N, C-alpha and C. Protein backbone atom coordinates (compact mmCIF):
# COMPACT_ATOMS: atom_id res chain seq x y z
N MET A 1 -7.85 -3.66 289.79
CA MET A 1 -8.83 -3.44 290.84
C MET A 1 -8.36 -2.29 291.72
N GLN A 2 -9.24 -1.37 291.98
CA GLN A 2 -8.90 -0.22 292.79
C GLN A 2 -9.46 -0.36 294.19
N LYS A 3 -8.77 0.25 295.15
CA LYS A 3 -9.21 0.27 296.54
C LYS A 3 -9.74 1.65 296.86
N ARG A 4 -10.74 1.68 297.66
CA ARG A 4 -11.33 2.94 298.09
C ARG A 4 -10.73 3.32 299.45
N THR A 5 -10.45 4.61 299.62
CA THR A 5 -9.92 5.09 300.89
C THR A 5 -10.45 6.49 301.15
N THR A 6 -10.35 6.92 302.38
CA THR A 6 -10.77 8.26 302.75
C THR A 6 -9.52 9.06 303.10
N ILE A 7 -9.40 10.24 302.51
CA ILE A 7 -8.29 11.13 302.86
C ILE A 7 -8.89 12.48 303.22
N TYR A 8 -8.19 13.21 304.03
CA TYR A 8 -8.63 14.54 304.44
C TYR A 8 -7.65 15.56 303.89
N LEU A 9 -8.16 16.51 303.11
CA LEU A 9 -7.33 17.52 302.49
C LEU A 9 -7.65 18.89 303.06
N ASP A 10 -6.65 19.74 303.07
CA ASP A 10 -6.85 21.13 303.40
C ASP A 10 -7.87 21.68 302.40
N PRO A 11 -8.83 22.48 302.85
CA PRO A 11 -9.87 22.99 301.93
C PRO A 11 -9.32 23.71 300.70
N ASP A 12 -8.27 24.50 300.86
CA ASP A 12 -7.69 25.20 299.72
C ASP A 12 -7.03 24.23 298.75
N LEU A 13 -6.38 23.22 299.28
CA LEU A 13 -5.76 22.19 298.45
C LEU A 13 -6.83 21.42 297.69
N HIS A 14 -7.91 21.10 298.36
CA HIS A 14 -9.02 20.38 297.72
C HIS A 14 -9.62 21.20 296.58
N ARG A 15 -9.78 22.47 296.81
CA ARG A 15 -10.32 23.36 295.78
C ARG A 15 -9.40 23.40 294.56
N ALA A 16 -8.10 23.56 294.82
CA ALA A 16 -7.13 23.60 293.73
C ALA A 16 -7.12 22.27 292.96
N LEU A 17 -7.24 21.18 293.68
CA LEU A 17 -7.26 19.86 293.05
C LEU A 17 -8.50 19.69 292.18
N ARG A 18 -9.64 20.14 292.67
CA ARG A 18 -10.87 20.06 291.87
C ARG A 18 -10.77 20.90 290.60
N LEU A 19 -10.19 22.10 290.73
CA LEU A 19 -10.02 22.95 289.56
C LEU A 19 -9.07 22.33 288.54
N LYS A 20 -7.99 21.72 289.03
CA LYS A 20 -7.06 21.06 288.12
C LYS A 20 -7.73 19.87 287.44
N ALA A 21 -8.56 19.16 288.16
CA ALA A 21 -9.28 18.03 287.58
C ALA A 21 -10.17 18.51 286.43
N ILE A 22 -10.83 19.62 286.62
CA ILE A 22 -11.70 20.17 285.57
C ILE A 22 -10.87 20.58 284.36
N GLU A 23 -9.76 21.28 284.61
CA GLU A 23 -8.94 21.77 283.51
C GLU A 23 -8.27 20.65 282.73
N THR A 24 -7.90 19.57 283.42
CA THR A 24 -7.18 18.47 282.75
C THR A 24 -8.11 17.36 282.30
N GLU A 25 -9.40 17.52 282.62
CA GLU A 25 -10.40 16.49 282.29
C GLU A 25 -10.04 15.13 282.89
N LYS A 26 -9.51 15.18 284.09
CA LYS A 26 -9.20 13.97 284.86
C LYS A 26 -9.99 14.03 286.16
N SER A 27 -10.14 12.88 286.78
CA SER A 27 -10.82 12.86 288.07
C SER A 27 -9.83 13.23 289.18
N VAL A 28 -10.37 13.64 290.31
CA VAL A 28 -9.52 13.92 291.47
C VAL A 28 -8.74 12.66 291.85
N SER A 29 -9.38 11.51 291.76
CA SER A 29 -8.71 10.25 292.07
C SER A 29 -7.52 10.00 291.15
N GLU A 30 -7.70 10.29 289.86
CA GLU A 30 -6.60 10.11 288.91
C GLU A 30 -5.42 11.01 289.26
N LEU A 31 -5.72 12.25 289.59
CA LEU A 31 -4.66 13.19 289.94
C LEU A 31 -3.92 12.75 291.20
N ILE A 32 -4.66 12.29 292.19
CA ILE A 32 -4.03 11.83 293.43
C ILE A 32 -3.19 10.59 293.18
N ASN A 33 -3.71 9.64 292.39
CA ASN A 33 -2.94 8.44 292.05
C ASN A 33 -1.64 8.80 291.34
N GLU A 34 -1.71 9.73 290.39
CA GLU A 34 -0.50 10.15 289.67
C GLU A 34 0.51 10.79 290.62
N ALA A 35 0.03 11.62 291.53
CA ALA A 35 0.93 12.29 292.48
C ALA A 35 1.59 11.29 293.42
N VAL A 36 0.84 10.31 293.89
CA VAL A 36 1.40 9.30 294.79
C VAL A 36 2.42 8.44 294.05
N LYS A 37 2.09 8.04 292.81
CA LYS A 37 3.04 7.25 292.01
C LYS A 37 4.33 8.02 291.79
N GLN A 38 4.22 9.30 291.48
CA GLN A 38 5.41 10.12 291.26
C GLN A 38 6.25 10.22 292.53
N SER A 39 5.60 10.42 293.65
CA SER A 39 6.31 10.52 294.92
C SER A 39 7.04 9.22 295.25
N LEU A 40 6.36 8.10 295.07
CA LEU A 40 6.98 6.80 295.34
C LEU A 40 8.13 6.52 294.38
N SER A 41 7.98 6.93 293.14
CA SER A 41 9.04 6.76 292.15
C SER A 41 10.28 7.56 292.54
N GLU A 42 10.08 8.79 293.02
CA GLU A 42 11.21 9.60 293.48
C GLU A 42 11.90 8.95 294.67
N ASP A 43 11.12 8.38 295.58
CA ASP A 43 11.71 7.68 296.72
C ASP A 43 12.56 6.50 296.24
N GLU A 44 12.06 5.77 295.25
CA GLU A 44 12.79 4.63 294.72
C GLU A 44 14.12 5.08 294.10
N GLU A 45 14.09 6.18 293.37
CA GLU A 45 15.32 6.72 292.78
C GLU A 45 16.32 7.11 293.87
N ASP A 46 15.84 7.76 294.91
CA ASP A 46 16.71 8.15 296.02
C ASP A 46 17.34 6.92 296.67
N LEU A 47 16.53 5.90 296.93
CA LEU A 47 17.06 4.69 297.57
C LEU A 47 18.10 4.01 296.68
N ARG A 48 17.85 3.99 295.38
CA ARG A 48 18.81 3.39 294.45
C ARG A 48 20.13 4.16 294.48
N SER A 49 20.04 5.49 294.54
CA SER A 49 21.25 6.31 294.61
C SER A 49 22.03 6.03 295.89
N PHE A 50 21.32 5.90 297.01
CA PHE A 50 21.99 5.59 298.27
C PHE A 50 22.71 4.25 298.18
N GLU A 51 22.05 3.25 297.59
CA GLU A 51 22.66 1.93 297.46
C GLU A 51 23.90 1.98 296.58
N GLU A 52 23.83 2.73 295.48
CA GLU A 52 24.96 2.84 294.57
C GLU A 52 26.15 3.53 295.22
N ARG A 53 25.89 4.43 296.14
CA ARG A 53 26.96 5.19 296.76
C ARG A 53 27.39 4.64 298.12
N ALA A 54 26.80 3.53 298.53
CA ALA A 54 27.07 2.97 299.86
C ALA A 54 28.54 2.62 300.05
N ALA A 55 29.23 2.24 299.00
CA ALA A 55 30.63 1.84 299.12
C ALA A 55 31.59 3.02 299.10
N GLU A 56 31.10 4.22 298.82
CA GLU A 56 31.97 5.38 298.80
C GLU A 56 32.47 5.70 300.21
N PRO A 57 33.69 6.20 300.29
CA PRO A 57 34.20 6.54 301.63
C PRO A 57 33.43 7.70 302.24
N THR A 58 33.32 7.68 303.54
CA THR A 58 32.65 8.74 304.26
C THR A 58 33.67 9.81 304.63
N LEU A 59 33.34 11.06 304.34
CA LEU A 59 34.22 12.16 304.69
C LEU A 59 33.57 12.98 305.79
N SER A 60 34.39 13.39 306.74
CA SER A 60 33.86 14.25 307.80
C SER A 60 33.75 15.68 307.29
N TYR A 61 32.94 16.43 307.91
CA TYR A 61 32.77 17.85 307.55
C TYR A 61 34.10 18.57 307.69
N ASP A 62 34.81 18.27 308.76
CA ASP A 62 36.12 18.89 309.00
C ASP A 62 37.09 18.57 307.86
N ALA A 63 37.11 17.33 307.40
CA ALA A 63 38.01 16.93 306.31
C ALA A 63 37.67 17.66 305.02
N VAL A 64 36.39 17.82 304.75
CA VAL A 64 35.97 18.53 303.54
C VAL A 64 36.40 19.99 303.62
N LEU A 65 36.22 20.63 304.77
CA LEU A 65 36.64 22.03 304.93
C LEU A 65 38.14 22.18 304.74
N LYS A 66 38.92 21.27 305.34
CA LYS A 66 40.37 21.34 305.19
C LYS A 66 40.79 21.19 303.73
N ASP A 67 40.13 20.28 303.01
CA ASP A 67 40.45 20.07 301.60
C ASP A 67 40.09 21.30 300.77
N LEU A 68 38.96 21.93 301.07
CA LEU A 68 38.58 23.14 300.35
C LEU A 68 39.58 24.27 300.61
N LYS A 69 40.02 24.42 301.85
CA LYS A 69 41.00 25.43 302.18
C LYS A 69 42.34 25.14 301.49
N LYS A 70 42.74 23.88 301.50
CA LYS A 70 44.01 23.45 300.90
C LYS A 70 44.05 23.80 299.41
N HIS A 71 42.93 23.68 298.74
CA HIS A 71 42.87 23.94 297.31
C HIS A 71 42.37 25.35 296.98
N GLY A 72 42.33 26.24 297.99
CA GLY A 72 41.98 27.64 297.77
C GLY A 72 40.53 27.89 297.38
N LYS A 73 39.66 26.96 297.72
CA LYS A 73 38.24 27.12 297.36
C LYS A 73 37.49 27.99 298.37
N ILE A 74 38.01 28.05 299.60
CA ILE A 74 37.41 28.93 300.62
C ILE A 74 38.53 29.61 301.40
């Protein structure tokens, strides 16, 4: 079951979206749904990465610079 909503797009963005819909033989709604799903999926991946790295030690910027200098990287 789909929900109906109203969104406001920049006129140029709307035009580009309509043209892409014609070229891909998809509806504007399909394109927007795909874009939103992709964006949410990327957010989920980012959150998973943060959770996986939560136990890693935190390094200060100063400590990183000193380590780079110590090893001749800068």
